[in-house]
Amino acid sequence: MIVTWLSFPIMGQLTYLIPFVLIHFFLFCNVFRIRRNLELIWAAIFVTSIAICSTVEFPLLMSFAIQLPVSITLILVADRSNWYHGIFASPRQIDDRCDWCQGEIGWFPRFSLSTMILRTVVKVGSNSAVNVPLDRSSPYRCPLMLIDTFGRLHTSLRVSVTDRCNLRCTYCMPAETPDYESRTEILTFEEIERFVRIAVELGVDDVRLTGGEPLVRAELHKLVGRINAIDGIRRMSMTTNGVLLEAQLDDLFAAGLRSVNVSLDALDAASFREATRRPGLDKVLSAITAARKRQMKVKINAIALRGFTERHIEAFGHFARETKIPIRFIEFMPLDTDGTWDSASVLTGAEILARFSKAIRPLVPLTSNDSPATDYQFDDGLGTIGVIPSVSEPFCDTCNRFRLTADGQLRNCLFGEDSGDVRVLLRNGSDDAAIADRIRSAVSSKKAGHGTDDLTFLRPTRPMYSIGG
């Protein structure tokens, strides 16, 4: 009887501790992506010690229903911080995925309890996670990879391949003698490819090449081919002014490019030259036609400039209806070299839509997608017009992108400052884990919003061409 009396509470404790340790162990390993033997041992000791301490020291927390949510919360909070990365975190490998991604995860359960719990917690704790549909066709996406402190999932990367440009747009560059980086400071194709590959392992599946003007970079099609060959990229595209596009279109298409956004602010030669300080409208329009003949996805981006764009509304409306090419108007942002931007110079998205409805036909909203643009269609179904109201109606709460500048600096916000130097890591022999840590750190430091409407807002020190559009 004495033995039974002494053993009963011990058995009761074991009945509680064993499932506690097992479930928390799976939870811990799923969150922190632990797979190596040494890390597994460390995790087992850590979780077991927590279980024992909570049982002995905190009997009120012995209730499984109370202890598990508390532990999940603590682990998720830690997962959004940076302290653990240097201890036991490492970039995910292609054959080493969590349940959420529906990829291979070794001997872990295909549909573990911890995964179900994490799905619930992430959806409740992050509005952006709720709004981002899980793409089952991409086994490399995991919403637990690059999430900032405000719960925003980052899967979109903008890569500037050069800060040089063959135009001199008034809202972007000085008329003459731009302050370019030296060529030795610009990342090589090999460095860009390595960075993108690491970013994809962290959950990025949407890559856009930008500039400057990306097509002034010699043999850009080779970089397109390198990036397009990386497993896990769902979409690769490029933003260009179109002047050099047609001459390189065959090589770019062969390398796998299927989507281009063409920057075009006017449809007549005189206004085009007024906006860009250079000729070339005929080449741009010819390139658009050539791209569409190859069944490439083409969109037009126009910067909305008060005093300029208003007189081109009708022409753009008819162009959109005749060609069926979506045209999107981006509000003028404080990224100009000349420093002429102020809030009064912003032609808002709402004003643009009203002008189109008055000049052409009423616009009706289309179903939203994963783009920052809000798209509308004329009520007869012909022509799509979109607005990107980044100043008047910021969409920071759903932002899913970060940027790599041509000289290897990370930018977690277009309106912020550099948030991490990866060029030095790419060139000093650092391993992939160090670069992944730098990416995580840059994303986690992202602010809630860009704050252009705040009196304390400071203009970015870099102009648009130096950041990457």
Protein backbone atom coordinates (compact mmCIF):
# COMPACT_ATOMS: atom_id res chain seq x y z
CA MET A 1 0.00 0.00 0.00
CA ILE A 2 2.85 2.36 0.84
CA VAL A 3 4.48 1.70 -2.54
CA THR A 4 1.17 2.28 -4.31
CA TRP A 5 0.57 5.47 -2.35
CA LEU A 6 4.03 6.80 -3.28
CA SER A 7 3.85 5.68 -6.91
CA PHE A 8 0.40 7.07 -7.71
CA PRO A 9 1.34 10.75 -7.74
CA ILE A 10 4.49 9.93 -9.65
CA MET A 11 2.48 8.07 -12.28
CA GLY A 12 0.08 10.97 -12.36
CA GLN A 13 2.94 13.36 -13.00
CA LEU A 14 4.31 11.13 -15.77
CA THR A 15 0.87 10.90 -17.34
CA TYR A 16 0.96 14.68 -17.60
CA LEU A 17 4.64 15.17 -18.41
CA ILE A 18 4.98 12.69 -21.27
CA PRO A 19 2.31 14.16 -23.57
CA PHE A 20 3.32 17.66 -22.46
CA VAL A 21 6.94 17.10 -23.49
CA LEU A 22 6.07 15.35 -26.76
CA ILE A 23 3.58 17.95 -27.96
CA HIS A 24 5.74 20.88 -26.91
CA PHE A 25 8.75 19.24 -28.52
CA PHE A 26 6.98 19.00 -31.89
CA LEU A 27 5.71 22.56 -31.47
CA PHE A 28 9.14 23.91 -30.63
CA CYS A 29 10.83 22.12 -33.53
CA ASN A 30 8.19 23.19 -36.05
CA VAL A 31 8.43 26.84 -35.06
CA PHE A 32 12.21 27.02 -34.96
CA ARG A 33 12.74 24.64 -37.91
CA ILE A 34 15.02 22.38 -35.90
CA ARG A 35 16.14 19.20 -37.68
CA ARG A 36 19.80 18.57 -36.79
CA ASN A 37 20.69 15.99 -34.12
CA LEU A 38 22.44 18.40 -31.77
CA GLU A 39 19.61 20.88 -32.07
CA LEU A 40 17.03 18.17 -31.43
CA ILE A 41 18.79 17.16 -28.22
CA TRP A 42 18.99 20.79 -27.12
CA ALA A 43 15.29 21.27 -27.83
CA ALA A 44 14.33 18.11 -25.94
CA ILE A 45 16.29 19.20 -22.87
CA PHE A 46 14.81 22.68 -23.04
CA VAL A 47 11.21 21.53 -23.32
CA THR A 48 11.61 18.83 -20.68
CA SER A 49 13.10 21.29 -18.22
CA ILE A 50 10.20 23.68 -18.79
CA ALA A 51 7.72 20.87 -18.17
CA ILE A 52 9.39 19.76 -14.94
CA CYS A 53 9.79 23.29 -13.61
CA SER A 54 6.21 24.20 -14.39
CA THR A 55 4.99 21.04 -12.65
CA VAL A 56 7.09 21.52 -9.52
CA GLU A 57 7.13 25.29 -9.16
CA PHE A 58 3.85 26.33 -10.73
CA PRO A 59 1.18 23.76 -9.90
CA LEU A 60 -1.54 26.12 -11.11
CA LEU A 61 -0.11 25.80 -14.61
CA MET A 62 -0.34 22.02 -14.57
CA SER A 63 -3.60 22.31 -16.41
CA PHE A 64 -2.80 21.38 -19.99
CA ALA A 65 -5.43 23.78 -21.32
CA ILE A 66 -3.65 26.69 -19.63
CA GLN A 67 -0.03 25.67 -20.12
CA LEU A 68 -0.14 24.95 -23.85
CA PRO A 69 -1.47 28.36 -25.02
CA VAL A 70 1.03 30.11 -22.75
CA SER A 71 3.91 28.11 -24.23
CA ILE A 72 2.73 28.68 -27.79
CA THR A 73 2.56 32.42 -27.21
CA LEU A 74 6.06 32.54 -25.71
CA ILE A 75 7.55 30.51 -28.55
CA LEU A 76 5.84 32.58 -31.25
CA VAL A 77 7.07 35.79 -29.63
CA ALA A 78 10.59 34.37 -29.62
CA ASP A 79 10.21 33.32 -33.24
CA ARG A 80 9.64 36.96 -34.23
CA SER A 81 12.82 38.09 -32.50
CA ASN A 82 16.41 37.76 -33.66
CA TRP A 83 18.24 36.48 -30.61
CA TYR A 84 17.87 32.79 -31.38
CA HIS A 85 19.12 32.87 -34.97
CA GLY A 86 22.81 32.67 -34.16
CA ILE A 87 22.18 29.85 -31.68
CA PHE A 88 20.29 27.21 -33.57
CA ALA A 89 18.37 28.57 -36.56
CA SER A 90 19.49 28.05 -40.13
CA PRO A 91 18.11 28.56 -43.65
CA ARG A 92 15.59 25.95 -44.66
CA GLN A 93 16.64 23.42 -47.24
CA ILE A 94 14.47 22.47 -50.19
CA ASP A 95 13.94 18.93 -48.84
CA ASP A 96 13.23 20.14 -45.31
CA ARG A 97 9.84 21.78 -45.05
CA CYS A 98 7.16 22.18 -42.43
CA ASP A 99 3.61 20.87 -42.51
CA TRP A 100 2.22 24.26 -43.58
CA CYS A 101 4.24 24.08 -46.78
CA GLN A 102 3.10 20.50 -47.47
CA GLY A 103 6.75 19.65 -48.05
CA GLU A 104 9.02 16.94 -46.70
CA ILE A 105 9.76 17.22 -42.98
CA GLY A 106 11.60 13.98 -42.25
CA TRP A 107 10.13 11.89 -39.45
CA PHE A 108 7.80 14.59 -38.15
CA PRO A 109 4.05 13.90 -38.45
CA ARG A 110 2.62 15.02 -41.76
CA PHE A 111 -0.21 16.77 -39.96
CA SER A 112 0.91 17.40 -36.41
CA LEU A 113 -1.07 18.93 -33.58
CA SER A 114 1.47 21.73 -33.37
CA THR A 115 0.84 22.65 -36.99
CA MET A 116 -2.90 22.89 -36.41
CA ILE A 117 -2.29 25.10 -33.38
CA LEU A 118 0.15 27.31 -35.27
CA ARG A 119 -2.30 27.78 -38.12
CA THR A 120 -4.89 29.02 -35.67
CA VAL A 121 -2.51 31.32 -33.80
CA VAL A 122 -1.03 32.89 -36.92
CA LYS A 123 -4.45 33.54 -38.43
CA VAL A 124 -5.75 35.12 -35.24
CA GLY A 125 -2.64 37.17 -34.58
CA SER A 126 -2.03 38.50 -38.07
CA ASN A 127 -4.61 40.09 -40.34
CA SER A 128 -2.18 39.90 -43.24
CA ALA A 129 -1.76 36.17 -42.70
CA VAL A 130 -5.52 35.76 -43.00
CA ASN A 131 -5.56 37.74 -46.24
CA VAL A 132 -2.70 35.82 -47.86
CA PRO A 133 -4.00 32.57 -49.41
CA LEU A 134 -1.74 29.56 -49.07
CA ASP A 135 -0.54 28.58 -52.52
CA ARG A 136 -0.44 24.78 -52.41
CA SER A 137 1.19 24.71 -55.85
CA SER A 138 4.30 26.28 -54.31
CA PRO A 139 5.88 23.80 -51.85
CA TYR A 140 8.40 26.41 -50.80
CA ARG A 141 6.05 28.92 -49.17
CA CYS A 142 5.82 28.96 -45.41
CA PRO A 143 4.11 31.88 -43.65
CA LEU A 144 6.32 31.30 -40.62
CA MET A 145 9.50 32.27 -42.47
CA LEU A 146 9.60 36.04 -42.96
CA ILE A 147 7.01 37.65 -40.70
CA ASP A 148 7.73 41.06 -39.21
CA THR A 149 6.76 42.22 -35.74
CA PHE A 150 3.38 43.38 -37.04
CA GLY A 151 2.46 40.01 -38.49
CA ARG A 152 3.07 40.84 -42.16
CA LEU A 153 4.19 37.94 -44.29
CA HIS A 154 6.95 38.81 -46.79
CA THR A 155 7.06 36.77 -49.99
CA SER A 156 7.82 39.47 -52.56
CA LEU A 157 11.33 40.69 -53.40
CA ARG A 158 12.35 43.63 -55.59
CA VAL A 159 15.90 43.36 -56.93
CA SER A 160 17.54 46.43 -58.44
CA VAL A 161 20.22 45.33 -60.89
CA THR A 162 21.58 48.82 -61.59
CA ASP A 163 21.10 52.44 -60.58
CA ARG A 164 21.83 53.65 -64.11
CA CYS A 165 19.11 54.76 -66.51
CA ASN A 166 18.81 55.97 -70.10
CA LEU A 167 15.99 58.43 -69.24
CA ARG A 168 15.89 61.39 -66.84
CA CYS A 169 12.34 61.40 -65.48
CA THR A 170 11.58 64.55 -63.51
CA TYR A 171 10.19 62.67 -60.49
CA CYS A 172 13.14 60.30 -60.24
CA MET A 173 16.48 61.62 -61.53
CA PRO A 174 18.37 64.88 -61.97
CA ALA A 175 18.49 66.31 -65.48
CA GLU A 176 22.22 65.65 -65.76
CA THR A 177 25.11 63.96 -63.90
CA PRO A 178 23.29 61.50 -61.64
CA ASP A 179 25.25 60.28 -58.64
CA TYR A 180 25.82 56.68 -59.71
CA GLU A 181 27.54 54.02 -57.63
CA SER A 182 30.88 52.80 -58.97
CA ARG A 183 30.64 49.58 -60.94
CA THR A 184 32.67 47.67 -58.34
CA GLU A 185 29.99 48.44 -55.76
CA ILE A 186 27.20 46.95 -57.88
CA LEU A 187 26.36 43.31 -57.16
CA THR A 188 27.41 40.74 -59.74
CA PHE A 189 24.95 38.32 -61.31
CA GLU A 190 26.43 35.52 -59.19
CA GLU A 191 25.89 37.53 -56.00
CA ILE A 192 22.31 38.40 -56.94
CA GLU A 193 21.53 34.79 -57.79
CA ARG A 194 22.89 33.58 -54.46
CA PHE A 195 20.88 36.17 -52.55
CA VAL A 196 17.67 35.30 -54.38
CA ARG A 197 18.23 31.60 -53.77
CA ILE A 198 18.56 32.21 -50.02
CA ALA A 199 15.50 34.48 -50.03
CA VAL A 200 13.48 31.77 -51.76
CA GLU A 201 14.50 29.31 -49.04
CA LEU A 202 13.03 31.81 -46.58
CA GLY A 203 9.67 31.83 -48.34
CA VAL A 204 10.02 34.39 -51.15
CA ASP A 205 8.24 33.28 -54.31
CA ASP A 206 7.77 36.54 -56.23
CA VAL A 207 10.83 38.31 -57.69
CA ARG A 208 10.81 41.49 -59.75
CA LEU A 209 13.90 42.97 -61.44
CA THR A 210 14.11 46.75 -61.39
CA GLY A 211 16.55 49.64 -61.75
CA GLY A 212 17.45 52.36 -62.63
CA GLU A 213 16.62 50.86 -65.95
CA PRO A 214 17.43 47.13 -65.72
CA LEU A 215 17.97 46.73 -69.46
CA VAL A 216 21.02 49.00 -69.48
CA ARG A 217 22.76 46.20 -67.56
CA ALA A 218 24.67 44.14 -70.12
CA GLU A 219 23.38 40.62 -70.81
CA LEU A 220 20.53 40.89 -68.35
CA HIS A 221 18.89 37.85 -69.92
CA LYS A 222 21.57 35.70 -68.32
CA LEU A 223 20.49 36.84 -64.86
CA VAL A 224 16.85 36.27 -65.81
CA GLY A 225 17.73 32.70 -66.76
CA ARG A 226 19.64 32.12 -63.51
CA ILE A 227 16.78 33.37 -61.36
CA ASN A 228 14.12 31.62 -63.39
CA ALA A 229 15.93 28.32 -62.78
CA ILE A 230 15.61 28.61 -58.98
CA ASP A 231 13.06 26.15 -57.64
CA GLY A 232 10.30 27.80 -55.67
CA ILE A 233 9.79 31.00 -57.63
CA ARG A 234 6.13 31.33 -58.50
CA ARG A 235 6.43 34.57 -60.45
CA MET A 236 9.31 36.52 -61.96
CA SER A 237 8.81 39.86 -63.67
CA MET A 238 10.58 43.08 -64.61
CA THR A 239 9.85 46.80 -64.52
CA THR A 240 11.33 48.73 -67.46
CA ASN A 241 10.90 52.02 -69.28
CA GLY A 242 10.67 49.98 -72.47
CA VAL A 243 13.12 51.93 -74.62
CA LEU A 244 15.57 49.01 -74.88
CA LEU A 245 13.03 46.23 -74.46
CA GLU A 246 12.29 45.21 -78.04
CA ALA A 247 15.97 44.79 -78.94
CA GLN A 248 16.43 42.33 -76.05
CA LEU A 249 13.02 40.71 -76.09
CA ASP A 250 14.03 37.46 -77.83
CA ASP A 251 16.80 36.74 -75.32
CA LEU A 252 14.64 37.70 -72.34
CA PHE A 253 11.76 35.52 -73.52
CA ALA A 254 14.08 32.58 -74.11
CA ALA A 255 15.44 33.03 -70.57
CA GLY A 256 11.94 32.70 -69.15
CA LEU A 257 10.64 36.25 -68.72
CA ARG A 258 6.88 36.32 -69.19
CA SER A 259 5.77 39.50 -67.42
CA VAL A 260 6.80 43.14 -67.76
CA ASN A 261 5.57 46.39 -66.30
CA VAL A 262 6.34 49.31 -68.60
CA SER A 263 6.74 52.77 -67.07
CA LEU A 264 4.95 55.21 -69.38
CA ASP A 265 3.64 58.61 -68.30
CA ALA A 266 2.30 59.97 -71.60
CA LEU A 267 1.17 58.71 -74.99
CA ASP A 268 2.27 61.62 -77.19
CA ALA A 269 5.90 62.33 -78.07
CA ALA A 270 6.03 65.89 -76.75
CA SER A 271 4.62 65.01 -73.33
CA PHE A 272 6.79 61.89 -73.15
CA ARG A 273 9.87 64.05 -73.65
CA GLU A 274 8.58 66.56 -71.10
CA ALA A 275 8.32 63.84 -68.46
CA THR A 276 11.50 61.91 -69.29
CA ARG A 277 13.73 64.67 -70.73
CA ARG A 278 14.57 62.23 -73.53
CA PRO A 279 12.95 60.95 -76.76
CA GLY A 280 11.87 57.35 -77.25
CA LEU A 281 8.09 56.99 -77.16
CA ASP A 282 8.02 55.16 -80.51
CA LYS A 283 10.44 52.52 -79.19
CA VAL A 284 8.37 52.01 -76.06
CA LEU A 285 5.11 51.53 -77.94
CA SER A 286 6.78 49.19 -80.42
CA ALA A 287 8.21 47.11 -77.56
CA ILE A 288 4.77 46.83 -75.94
CA THR A 289 3.33 45.52 -79.20
CA ALA A 290 6.19 43.04 -79.62
CA ALA A 291 5.82 41.75 -76.07
CA ARG A 292 2.10 41.17 -76.51
CA LYS A 293 2.71 39.25 -79.73
CA ARG A 294 4.77 36.84 -77.62
CA GLN A 295 1.82 36.47 -75.24
CA MET A 296 3.73 38.18 -72.46
CA LYS A 297 1.80 39.76 -69.61
CA VAL A 298 2.11 43.54 -70.00
CA LYS A 299 1.01 46.31 -67.65
CA ILE A 300 1.66 50.04 -67.83
CA ASN A 301 2.70 52.10 -64.81
CA ALA A 302 2.24 55.87 -64.87
CA ILE A 303 3.28 58.30 -62.14
CA ALA A 304 0.38 60.60 -61.30
CA LEU A 305 1.71 64.16 -61.36
CA ARG A 306 -0.62 67.04 -60.59
CA GLY A 307 -0.60 69.51 -63.47
CA PHE A 308 0.61 66.87 -65.93
CA THR A 309 -1.38 63.65 -65.69
CA GLU A 310 -4.81 65.30 -65.79
CA ARG A 311 -4.45 66.24 -69.45
CA HIS A 312 -3.62 62.63 -70.42
CA ILE A 313 -6.52 60.90 -68.69
CA GLU A 314 -8.71 60.58 -71.76
CA ALA A 315 -5.87 59.29 -73.96
CA PHE A 316 -4.91 56.64 -71.41
CA GLY A 317 -8.54 55.61 -71.03
CA HIS A 318 -8.99 55.00 -74.75
CA PHE A 319 -5.61 53.24 -74.91
CA ALA A 320 -6.64 50.85 -72.11
CA ARG A 321 -9.94 50.09 -73.83
CA GLU A 322 -8.43 49.55 -77.27
CA THR A 323 -5.41 47.47 -76.25
CA LYS A 324 -6.86 45.75 -73.15
CA ILE A 325 -3.60 46.54 -71.35
CA PRO A 326 -4.12 47.40 -67.66
CA ILE A 327 -2.88 50.89 -66.79
CA ARG A 328 -2.00 51.74 -63.21
CA PHE A 329 -1.39 55.19 -61.78
CA ILE A 330 1.07 55.49 -58.91
CA GLU A 331 0.81 58.50 -56.64
CA PHE A 332 3.84 60.81 -56.69
CA MET A 333 6.11 59.83 -53.79
CA PRO A 334 8.83 61.78 -51.91
CA LEU A 335 11.66 60.02 -53.72
CA ASP A 336 12.60 62.63 -56.33
CA THR A 337 16.17 63.89 -56.61
CA ASP A 338 15.19 67.55 -56.97
CA GLY A 339 13.25 67.62 -53.71
CA THR A 340 10.18 69.18 -55.30
CA TRP A 341 7.70 66.77 -53.71
CA ASP A 342 5.09 68.04 -51.31
CA SER A 343 1.62 66.83 -50.44
CA ALA A 344 0.03 69.42 -52.74
CA SER A 345 1.78 67.86 -55.75
CA VAL A 346 0.10 64.49 -55.18
CA LEU A 347 -2.71 63.72 -57.59
CA THR A 348 -4.60 61.17 -55.51
CA GLY A 349 -5.99 57.87 -56.64
CA ALA A 350 -9.53 59.00 -55.85
CA GLU A 351 -9.13 62.05 -58.09
CA ILE A 352 -7.79 59.92 -60.93
CA LEU A 353 -10.71 57.50 -60.77
CA ALA A 354 -13.21 60.35 -60.72
CA ARG A 355 -11.60 61.91 -63.79
CA PHE A 356 -11.72 58.62 -65.73
CA SER A 357 -15.36 58.06 -64.83
CA LYS A 358 -16.20 61.55 -66.02
CA ALA A 359 -14.07 61.50 -69.20
CA ILE A 360 -14.80 57.95 -70.42
CA ARG A 361 -17.33 55.81 -68.55
CA PRO A 362 -18.09 54.88 -64.93
CA LEU A 363 -15.59 52.54 -63.29
CA VAL A 364 -16.52 49.51 -61.21
CA PRO A 365 -14.11 47.82 -58.77
CA LEU A 366 -12.57 44.45 -59.56
CA THR A 367 -11.85 41.68 -57.07
CA SER A 368 -8.71 42.49 -55.10
CA ASN A 369 -5.55 40.42 -55.51
CA ASP A 370 -2.08 40.30 -53.98
CA SER A 371 -1.05 43.52 -55.72
CA PRO A 372 -0.84 46.92 -54.02
CA ALA A 373 -2.98 48.32 -56.82
CA THR A 374 -6.74 48.71 -56.59
CA ASP A 375 -8.08 47.84 -60.03
CA TYR A 376 -11.26 49.05 -61.71
CA GLN A 377 -12.94 48.25 -64.99
CA PHE A 378 -15.15 50.43 -67.13
CA ASP A 379 -18.76 49.41 -66.66
CA ASP A 380 -19.00 47.97 -70.17
CA GLY A 381 -16.13 45.58 -69.45
CA LEU A 382 -13.60 47.26 -71.76
CA GLY A 383 -10.41 48.58 -70.18
CA THR A 384 -8.81 48.24 -66.75
CA ILE A 385 -7.56 51.19 -64.72
CA GLY A 386 -5.73 50.79 -61.43
CA VAL A 387 -4.45 53.15 -58.76
CA ILE A 388 -1.68 52.68 -56.23
CA PRO A 389 -2.51 55.28 -53.54
CA SER A 390 0.69 54.84 -51.55
CA VAL A 391 0.51 58.38 -50.15
CA SER A 392 -3.19 59.22 -49.74
CA GLU A 393 -4.32 55.71 -48.73
CA PRO A 394 -1.26 53.74 -47.56
CA PHE A 395 -1.50 49.96 -47.70
CA CYS A 396 1.33 49.37 -45.22
CA ASP A 397 -0.73 46.95 -43.14
CA THR A 398 -0.71 44.43 -46.01
CA CYS A 399 2.76 45.14 -47.42
CA ASN A 400 4.52 41.89 -48.30
CA ARG A 401 7.69 43.10 -49.98
CA PHE A 402 11.26 44.10 -49.32
CA ARG A 403 14.04 45.30 -51.61
CA LEU A 404 17.65 44.68 -52.53
CA THR A 405 19.41 47.72 -53.98
CA ALA A 406 21.93 47.45 -56.79
CA ASP A 407 24.78 47.99 -54.31
CA GLY A 408 23.59 45.25 -51.98
CA GLN A 409 21.59 47.10 -49.32
CA LEU A 410 18.34 45.75 -47.91
CA ARG A 411 15.32 48.04 -47.73
CA ASN A 412 12.26 46.89 -45.83
CA CYS A 413 10.33 49.99 -46.89
CA LEU A 414 10.54 52.18 -49.96
CA PHE A 415 10.27 55.27 -47.75
CA GLY A 416 12.76 54.14 -45.11
CA GLU A 417 16.51 53.87 -44.98
CA ASP A 418 18.87 50.96 -45.64
CA SER A 419 18.13 48.18 -43.16
CA GLY A 420 21.03 45.82 -43.74
CA ASP A 421 24.20 45.41 -45.82
CA VAL A 422 24.37 42.05 -47.59
CA ARG A 423 27.07 42.98 -50.08
CA VAL A 424 29.69 42.75 -47.37
CA LEU A 425 28.41 39.28 -46.43
CA LEU A 426 28.34 38.14 -50.04
CA ARG A 427 31.95 39.21 -50.48
CA ASN A 428 33.60 38.30 -47.16
CA GLY A 429 32.98 34.58 -47.26
CA SER A 430 29.94 34.55 -44.98
CA ASP A 431 27.79 31.45 -45.21
CA ASP A 432 24.15 31.35 -46.27
CA ALA A 433 22.96 31.27 -42.66
CA ALA A 434 24.53 34.67 -41.97
CA ILE A 435 22.84 36.17 -45.03
CA ALA A 436 19.52 34.62 -44.02
CA ASP A 437 19.91 36.15 -40.56
CA ARG A 438 20.53 39.56 -42.13
CA ILE A 439 17.35 39.22 -44.20
CA ARG A 440 15.33 38.19 -41.15
CA SER A 441 16.71 41.11 -39.16
CA ALA A 442 15.82 43.58 -41.92
CA VAL A 443 12.27 42.28 -42.20
CA SER A 444 11.70 42.15 -38.44
CA SER A 445 12.75 45.80 -38.06
CA LYS A 446 10.08 47.02 -40.48
CA LYS A 447 7.92 49.81 -39.08
CA ALA A 448 4.13 49.76 -38.97
CA GLY A 449 3.86 52.37 -41.74
CA HIS A 450 5.89 54.79 -43.84
CA GLY A 451 4.58 57.87 -42.01
CA THR A 452 4.57 60.34 -44.89
CA ASP A 453 1.60 62.06 -43.26
CA ASP A 454 3.50 62.52 -40.00
CA LEU A 455 5.06 65.90 -39.22
CA THR A 456 8.24 64.08 -38.14
CA PHE A 457 8.59 62.28 -41.50
CA LEU A 458 12.05 62.59 -43.02
CA ARG A 459 12.55 62.17 -46.74
CA PRO A 460 14.68 59.15 -47.68
CA THR A 461 18.26 60.10 -48.43
CA ARG A 462 18.27 57.92 -51.55
CA PRO A 463 16.27 58.90 -54.65
CA MET A 464 14.10 56.40 -56.46
CA TYR A 465 16.65 55.40 -59.10
CA SER A 466 19.15 54.50 -56.38
CA ILE A 467 16.67 52.37 -54.44
CA GLY A 468 14.99 50.46 -57.24
CA GLY A 469 11.44 50.97 -58.50
